[in-house]
């Protein structure tokens, strides 16, 4: 609805300050012509929107003017509660977010407050998952403070290969990926991404910094992760699986259907042949062995043999070509 879009335009301008018609159009997924008409409609309604010309121009609200945010409707309340602060994972951040949500709950009208309480009783989020990642987020609140106040950050960092180094960066933003947190910072060698759990001795410095005018955290993250995926070496295997095992496999790695190779032999009826791309051979072994009799490794040949030998060892059988020493059995 147009009224909802006009309110969205107002709230975006209020939150971001100066914005261009292109930025508003991309955010609200409409044309720039539509945004231009919306801004003219706001101006005609005596909302003090100001157009600024030039390379750094755009639209902004008159200084000091703010709109009142309307009350939440039922759909918005449900969406907010579905993203409970418990999903944050870190106890200190979760406690602060829980406190803020409780204040919001207290400000709701009586009937909506009762509805919200009922919703919360029917939802639980367990951020740890079944397999604990071991992420150390003790430095997260300090990093978050530096990002919010635009203060330089000094810390010791341990890379994945174990190499340690001292870093001083301009903290530009935080990214949460699952239960892992990453800092995007600008240092002497340019923009870099740091895993918060590998940061120690974090100190917020007194020196501030000037944020890059056109830096977009979402765009940077999308671009760098795409580049990383492009450079990453995959371990590719061919597997025969039951349909149920194939459904378990596809969320864990990219797969594509292929024709069975000649060495596949006779496969049970209904089995599926897939090419699977794993991060490395160790992870491939872990997944395939975990699927048990529901999966069969076909290629590469060395991987197929290693899986077969591992399975025989688990079952207490001797390796192929070997027999147990009859004297040892006596």
Protein backbone atom coordinates (compact mmCIF):
# COMPACT_ATOMS: atom_id res chain seq x y z
CA UNK A 1 0.00 0.00 0.00
CA UNK A 2 1.14 3.53 -0.74
CA UNK A 3 0.60 4.70 2.85
CA UNK A 4 2.88 1.91 4.13
CA UNK A 5 5.54 2.86 1.57
CA UNK A 6 5.35 6.54 2.51
CA UNK A 7 5.87 5.61 6.15
CA UNK A 8 8.82 3.40 5.16
CA UNK A 9 10.36 6.30 3.23
CA UNK A 10 9.95 8.53 6.29
CA UNK A 11 11.51 6.00 8.67
CA UNK A 12 14.45 5.36 6.33
CA UNK A 13 15.14 9.08 6.01
CA UNK A 14 14.83 9.49 9.76
CA UNK A 15 17.25 6.63 10.41
CA UNK A 16 19.83 7.35 7.69
CA UNK A 17 19.71 11.10 7.27
CA UNK A 18 20.49 12.05 3.67
CA UNK A 19 19.45 9.44 1.09
CA UNK A 20 19.15 9.35 -2.68
CA UNK A 21 16.10 8.34 -4.69
CA UNK A 22 18.09 5.38 -6.01
CA UNK A 23 18.87 4.13 -2.49
CA UNK A 24 15.22 4.39 -1.47
CA UNK A 25 14.07 2.68 -4.68
CA UNK A 26 16.46 -0.25 -4.18
CA UNK A 27 15.53 -0.65 -0.52
CA UNK A 28 11.76 -0.56 -1.16
CA UNK A 29 11.98 -2.43 -4.48
CA UNK A 30 10.14 0.18 -6.57
CA UNK A 31 11.18 2.53 -9.38
CA UNK A 32 12.95 5.85 -8.82
CA UNK A 33 9.97 7.57 -10.45
CA UNK A 34 7.70 6.07 -7.79
CA UNK A 35 10.03 7.28 -5.03
CA UNK A 36 10.11 10.76 -6.58
CA UNK A 37 6.29 10.87 -6.55
CA UNK A 38 6.28 9.66 -2.93
CA UNK A 39 8.67 12.43 -1.88
CA UNK A 40 6.52 15.01 -3.65
CA UNK A 41 3.45 13.59 -1.88
CA UNK A 42 5.20 13.91 1.50
CA UNK A 43 6.14 17.50 0.70
CA UNK A 44 2.54 18.29 -0.31
CA UNK A 45 1.43 16.85 3.05
CA UNK A 46 3.66 19.42 4.79
CA UNK A 47 6.33 16.92 5.78
CA UNK A 48 9.56 18.99 5.65
CA UNK A 49 11.58 16.99 3.11
CA UNK A 50 14.47 18.91 1.58
CA UNK A 51 16.07 18.20 -1.82
CA UNK A 52 19.83 18.82 -2.03
CA UNK A 53 21.60 19.04 -5.39
CA UNK A 54 25.16 18.14 -6.38
CA UNK A 55 27.33 15.01 -6.32
CA UNK A 56 26.68 14.55 -2.59
CA UNK A 57 23.02 15.52 -2.87
CA UNK A 58 19.85 13.66 -2.11
CA UNK A 59 16.85 14.08 0.16
CA UNK A 60 16.70 14.61 3.90
CA UNK A 61 14.28 15.69 6.58
CA UNK A 62 14.51 19.16 8.01
CA UNK A 63 16.84 19.16 11.01
CA UNK A 64 15.06 18.42 14.28
CA UNK A 65 11.90 17.03 12.64
CA UNK A 66 10.86 13.51 13.61
CA UNK A 67 7.77 11.42 13.09
CA UNK A 68 6.09 9.22 15.66
CA UNK A 69 6.33 5.51 14.96
CA UNK A 70 2.86 3.91 14.98
CA UNK A 71 2.01 0.97 17.20
CA UNK A 72 2.89 -2.54 16.14
CA UNK A 73 0.28 -4.57 14.33
CA UNK A 74 -0.17 -8.29 14.98
CA UNK A 75 2.05 -9.45 12.10
CA UNK A 76 4.89 -7.11 13.13
CA UNK A 77 4.63 -8.22 16.75
CA UNK A 78 4.79 -11.88 15.74
CA UNK A 79 7.85 -11.26 13.54
CA UNK A 80 9.62 -9.40 16.36
CA UNK A 81 8.98 -12.15 18.88
CA UNK A 82 10.09 -14.85 16.45
CA UNK A 83 13.52 -13.15 16.47
CA UNK A 84 13.87 -13.40 20.25
CA UNK A 85 17.09 -12.07 21.78
CA UNK A 86 18.02 -15.58 22.87
CA UNK A 87 19.14 -16.15 19.28
CA UNK A 88 22.08 -13.76 19.96
CA UNK A 89 23.78 -16.58 21.83
CA UNK A 90 26.27 -14.53 23.88
CA UNK A 91 24.92 -14.22 27.47
CA UNK A 92 25.72 -10.52 27.94
CA UNK A 93 24.20 -9.45 24.63
CA UNK A 94 21.24 -11.76 25.14
CA UNK A 95 20.55 -10.25 28.57
CA UNK A 96 20.62 -6.69 27.20
CA UNK A 97 18.36 -7.62 24.29
CA UNK A 98 15.99 -9.44 26.64
CA UNK A 99 15.78 -6.34 28.83
CA UNK A 100 14.98 -4.15 25.82
CA UNK A 101 12.27 -6.56 24.67
CA UNK A 102 10.76 -6.61 28.15
CA UNK A 103 10.53 -2.79 28.11
CA UNK A 104 8.82 -2.96 24.73
CA UNK A 105 6.38 -5.57 26.10
CA UNK A 106 5.56 -3.31 29.04
CA UNK A 107 4.70 -0.43 26.70
CA UNK A 108 2.20 -2.47 24.69
CA UNK A 109 -1.55 -2.02 25.21
CA UNK A 110 -3.10 -4.59 27.55
CA UNK A 111 -4.66 -6.97 24.98
CA UNK A 112 -1.55 -6.96 22.77
CA UNK A 113 0.69 -7.51 25.81
CA UNK A 114 -1.28 -10.63 26.71
CA UNK A 115 -1.05 -11.83 23.12
CA UNK A 116 2.71 -11.25 23.08
CA UNK A 117 3.16 -13.15 26.36
CA UNK A 118 1.23 -16.10 24.93
CA UNK A 119 3.44 -16.07 21.81
CA UNK A 120 6.64 -16.10 23.87
CA UNK A 121 5.44 -19.07 25.90
CA UNK A 122 5.06 -21.01 22.65
CA UNK A 123 8.51 -20.35 21.23
CA UNK A 124 11.97 -21.45 22.30
CA UNK A 125 15.25 -20.85 20.47
CA UNK A 126 18.33 -22.91 21.32
CA UNK A 127 21.29 -21.04 19.76
CA UNK A 128 23.90 -23.69 20.62
CA UNK A 129 22.68 -26.37 18.20
CA UNK A 130 23.45 -30.06 18.61
CA UNK A 131 27.17 -29.65 17.90
CA UNK A 132 28.84 -26.91 19.93
CA UNK A 133 31.01 -24.66 17.76
CA UNK A 134 33.24 -23.62 20.67
CA UNK A 135 33.06 -19.96 19.62
CA UNK A 136 34.62 -17.67 22.24
CA UNK A 137 32.53 -14.49 22.11
CA UNK A 138 33.95 -12.88 25.24
CA UNK A 139 35.36 -10.03 23.13
CA UNK A 140 32.15 -9.41 21.19
CA UNK A 141 30.66 -6.72 23.43
CA UNK A 142 33.92 -4.72 23.32
CA UNK A 143 34.07 -4.98 19.54
CA UNK A 144 30.43 -3.96 19.29
CA UNK A 145 31.13 -0.88 21.43
CA UNK A 146 33.99 0.20 19.14
CA UNK A 147 31.81 -0.27 16.06
CA UNK A 148 28.97 1.75 17.56
CA UNK A 149 31.19 4.64 18.75
CA UNK A 150 33.49 4.59 15.69
CA UNK A 151 36.66 4.18 17.73
CA UNK A 152 39.79 2.41 16.54
CA UNK A 153 40.34 -1.11 17.82
CA UNK A 154 43.61 -2.81 18.82
CA UNK A 155 43.82 -6.57 19.33
CA UNK A 156 45.89 -9.71 18.89
CA UNK A 157 44.66 -12.04 16.16
CA UNK A 158 45.28 -15.73 15.55
CA UNK A 159 44.77 -16.85 11.95
CA UNK A 160 43.38 -20.25 11.02
CA UNK A 161 46.94 -21.50 10.43
CA UNK A 162 47.96 -20.48 13.97
CA UNK A 163 49.96 -17.37 13.00
CA UNK A 164 49.64 -14.54 15.56
CA UNK A 165 49.82 -10.83 14.87
CA UNK A 166 48.94 -7.49 16.48
CA UNK A 167 46.30 -5.48 14.60
CA UNK A 168 44.90 -1.96 14.78
CA UNK A 169 41.88 -1.32 12.60
CA UNK A 170 38.95 0.99 11.98
CA UNK A 171 35.96 -1.26 12.88
CA UNK A 172 33.40 -0.75 10.11
CA UNK A 173 30.82 -3.41 10.96
CA UNK A 174 29.90 -6.77 12.46
CA UNK A 175 28.49 -9.76 10.60
CA UNK A 176 26.70 -12.68 12.28
CA UNK A 177 26.92 -15.91 10.28
CA UNK A 178 25.11 -18.66 12.16
CA UNK A 179 26.63 -18.63 15.65
CA UNK A 180 29.90 -17.10 14.40
CA UNK A 181 30.64 -13.36 14.42
CA UNK A 182 33.01 -11.48 12.13
CA UNK A 183 34.46 -7.98 12.26
CA UNK A 184 35.04 -6.08 9.03
CA UNK A 185 37.85 -3.62 9.66
CA UNK A 186 40.08 -1.25 7.71
CA UNK A 187 43.79 -1.47 8.44
CA UNK A 188 47.03 -0.36 6.81
CA UNK A 189 46.64 -3.03 4.12
CA UNK A 190 42.99 -2.30 3.36
CA UNK A 191 39.72 -3.99 4.30
CA UNK A 192 39.98 -7.29 6.15
CA UNK A 193 37.58 -9.71 7.88
CA UNK A 194 38.37 -11.03 11.36
CA UNK A 195 36.64 -13.82 13.25
CA UNK A 196 35.73 -12.44 16.68
CA UNK A 197 36.45 -15.76 18.43
CA UNK A 198 40.11 -15.49 17.30
CA UNK A 199 40.56 -12.00 18.75
CA UNK A 200 42.22 -11.52 22.16
CA UNK A 201 43.39 -8.53 24.16
CA UNK A 202 40.83 -6.29 22.50
CA UNK A 203 41.15 -2.60 23.42
CA UNK A 204 39.00 0.31 22.28
CA UNK A 205 41.33 3.25 21.52
CA UNK A 206 40.53 6.93 22.07
CA UNK A 207 41.19 7.77 18.41
CA UNK A 208 38.17 7.90 16.13
CA UNK A 209 38.09 7.47 12.37
CA UNK A 210 36.20 8.70 9.35
CA UNK A 211 33.93 6.05 7.91
CA UNK A 212 34.18 5.55 4.12
CA UNK A 213 31.34 7.53 2.55
CA UNK A 214 30.10 4.79 0.23
CA UNK A 215 30.97 1.69 2.25
CA UNK A 216 28.12 -0.87 2.24
CA UNK A 217 28.65 -3.71 4.72
CA UNK A 218 26.14 -6.07 3.09
CA UNK A 219 27.62 -5.52 -0.38
CA UNK A 220 31.18 -6.03 0.92
CA UNK A 221 30.26 -9.26 2.70
CA UNK A 222 28.40 -10.66 -0.31
CA UNK A 223 31.28 -9.85 -2.65
CA UNK A 224 34.08 -11.19 -0.44
CA UNK A 225 32.26 -14.41 0.45
CA UNK A 226 31.53 -15.01 -3.23
CA UNK A 227 35.24 -14.50 -4.03
CA UNK A 228 36.19 -16.89 -1.21
CA UNK A 229 33.85 -19.56 -2.51
CA UNK A 230 35.35 -19.12 -5.97
CA UNK A 231 38.92 -19.66 -4.67
CA UNK A 232 38.11 -22.50 -2.31
CA UNK A 233 39.36 -25.92 -3.40
CA UNK A 234 36.63 -28.52 -3.15
CA UNK A 235 36.92 -32.24 -2.62
CA UNK A 236 34.55 -33.82 -5.14
CA UNK A 237 33.21 -37.34 -4.75
CA UNK A 238 30.58 -39.46 -6.46
CA UNK A 239 28.12 -41.23 -4.18
CA UNK A 240 25.20 -43.63 -4.50
CA UNK A 241 22.56 -43.01 -1.84
CA UNK A 242 19.08 -43.87 -0.76
CA UNK A 243 16.57 -41.03 -1.34
CA UNK A 244 16.45 -40.38 2.43
CA UNK A 245 20.25 -40.13 2.63
CA UNK A 246 20.29 -37.77 -0.36
CA UNK A 247 17.89 -35.46 1.47
CA UNK A 248 20.22 -35.46 4.48
CA UNK A 249 23.25 -34.75 2.32
CA UNK A 250 22.05 -31.83 0.17
CA UNK A 251 21.90 -29.24 3.01
CA UNK A 252 25.51 -30.04 3.94
CA UNK A 253 27.20 -29.55 0.57
CA UNK A 254 26.47 -28.70 -3.08
CA UNK A 255 25.27 -31.75 -5.03
CA UNK A 256 24.25 -32.54 -8.60
CA UNK A 257 22.78 -35.71 -10.15
CA UNK A 258 25.06 -37.80 -12.37
CA UNK A 259 24.94 -41.12 -14.21
CA UNK A 260 26.45 -44.02 -12.28
CA UNK A 261 30.02 -44.89 -13.38
CA UNK A 262 30.87 -48.31 -14.75
CA UNK A 263 32.43 -49.42 -11.47
CA UNK A 264 29.18 -48.78 -9.56
CA UNK A 265 28.00 -52.33 -10.06
CA UNK A 266 24.41 -53.19 -9.19
CA UNK A 267 22.71 -50.53 -7.10
CA UNK A 268 19.53 -51.20 -5.10
CA UNK A 269 16.29 -50.02 -6.67
CA UNK A 270 15.54 -46.36 -6.03
CA UNK A 271 19.10 -45.35 -5.17
CA UNK A 272 20.36 -41.98 -6.45
CA UNK A 273 23.81 -41.15 -7.82
CA UNK A 274 25.12 -37.68 -6.94
CA UNK A 275 28.29 -35.66 -7.33
CA UNK A 276 29.01 -33.92 -4.01
CA UNK A 277 31.47 -31.08 -3.36
CA UNK A 278 32.87 -31.09 0.20
CA UNK A 279 35.17 -28.55 1.83
CA UNK A 280 37.85 -31.23 2.29
CA UNK A 281 38.37 -34.99 2.34
CA UNK A 282 38.11 -35.24 6.11
CA UNK A 283 34.62 -33.72 6.10
CA UNK A 284 33.61 -35.98 3.20
CA UNK A 285 34.72 -39.06 5.16
CA UNK A 286 32.83 -37.90 8.24
CA UNK A 287 29.58 -37.39 6.32
CA UNK A 288 29.74 -40.55 4.19
CA UNK A 289 30.63 -42.81 7.12
CA UNK A 290 27.87 -41.18 9.15
CA UNK A 291 25.30 -42.19 6.53
CA UNK A 292 26.27 -45.84 7.07
CA UNK A 293 24.64 -48.42 4.80
CA UNK A 294 22.50 -45.71 3.18
CA UNK A 295 25.45 -44.42 1.15
CA UNK A 296 28.14 -45.96 -1.05
CA UNK A 297 31.29 -44.15 -2.22
CA UNK A 298 31.96 -44.67 -5.94
CA UNK A 299 34.70 -42.22 -6.94
CA UNK A 300 37.50 -41.29 -6.63
CA UNK A 301 38.87 -44.80 -6.28
CA UNK A 302 41.23 -43.98 -3.40
CA UNK A 303 38.38 -42.40 -1.45
CA UNK A 304 36.14 -45.40 -2.14
CA UNK A 305 38.79 -47.79 -0.80
CA UNK A 306 39.45 -45.69 2.31
CA UNK A 307 35.73 -45.59 3.15
CA UNK A 308 35.46 -49.36 2.63
CA UNK A 309 38.45 -50.06 4.88
CA UNK A 310 37.15 -47.71 7.57
CA UNK A 311 33.77 -49.43 7.51
CA UNK A 312 35.42 -52.86 7.80
CA UNK A 313 37.50 -51.67 10.74
CA UNK A 314 34.41 -50.37 12.53
CA UNK A 315 32.71 -53.73 11.96
CA UNK A 316 35.74 -55.56 13.36
CA UNK A 317 36.58 -57.19 10.04
CA UNK A 318 40.15 -57.57 8.71
CA UNK A 319 41.28 -55.40 5.84
CA UNK A 320 40.83 -56.87 2.39
CA UNK A 321 43.74 -59.10 1.38
CA UNK A 322 44.58 -59.81 5.01
CA UNK A 323 43.61 -62.73 7.21
CA UNK A 324 43.84 -63.00 10.93
CA UNK A 325 46.88 -64.85 12.33
CA UNK A 326 45.61 -68.29 13.31
CA UNK A 327 48.28 -68.51 16.08
CA UNK A 328 46.99 -65.26 17.59
CA UNK A 329 43.51 -66.76 17.58
CA UNK A 330 44.62 -69.95 19.34
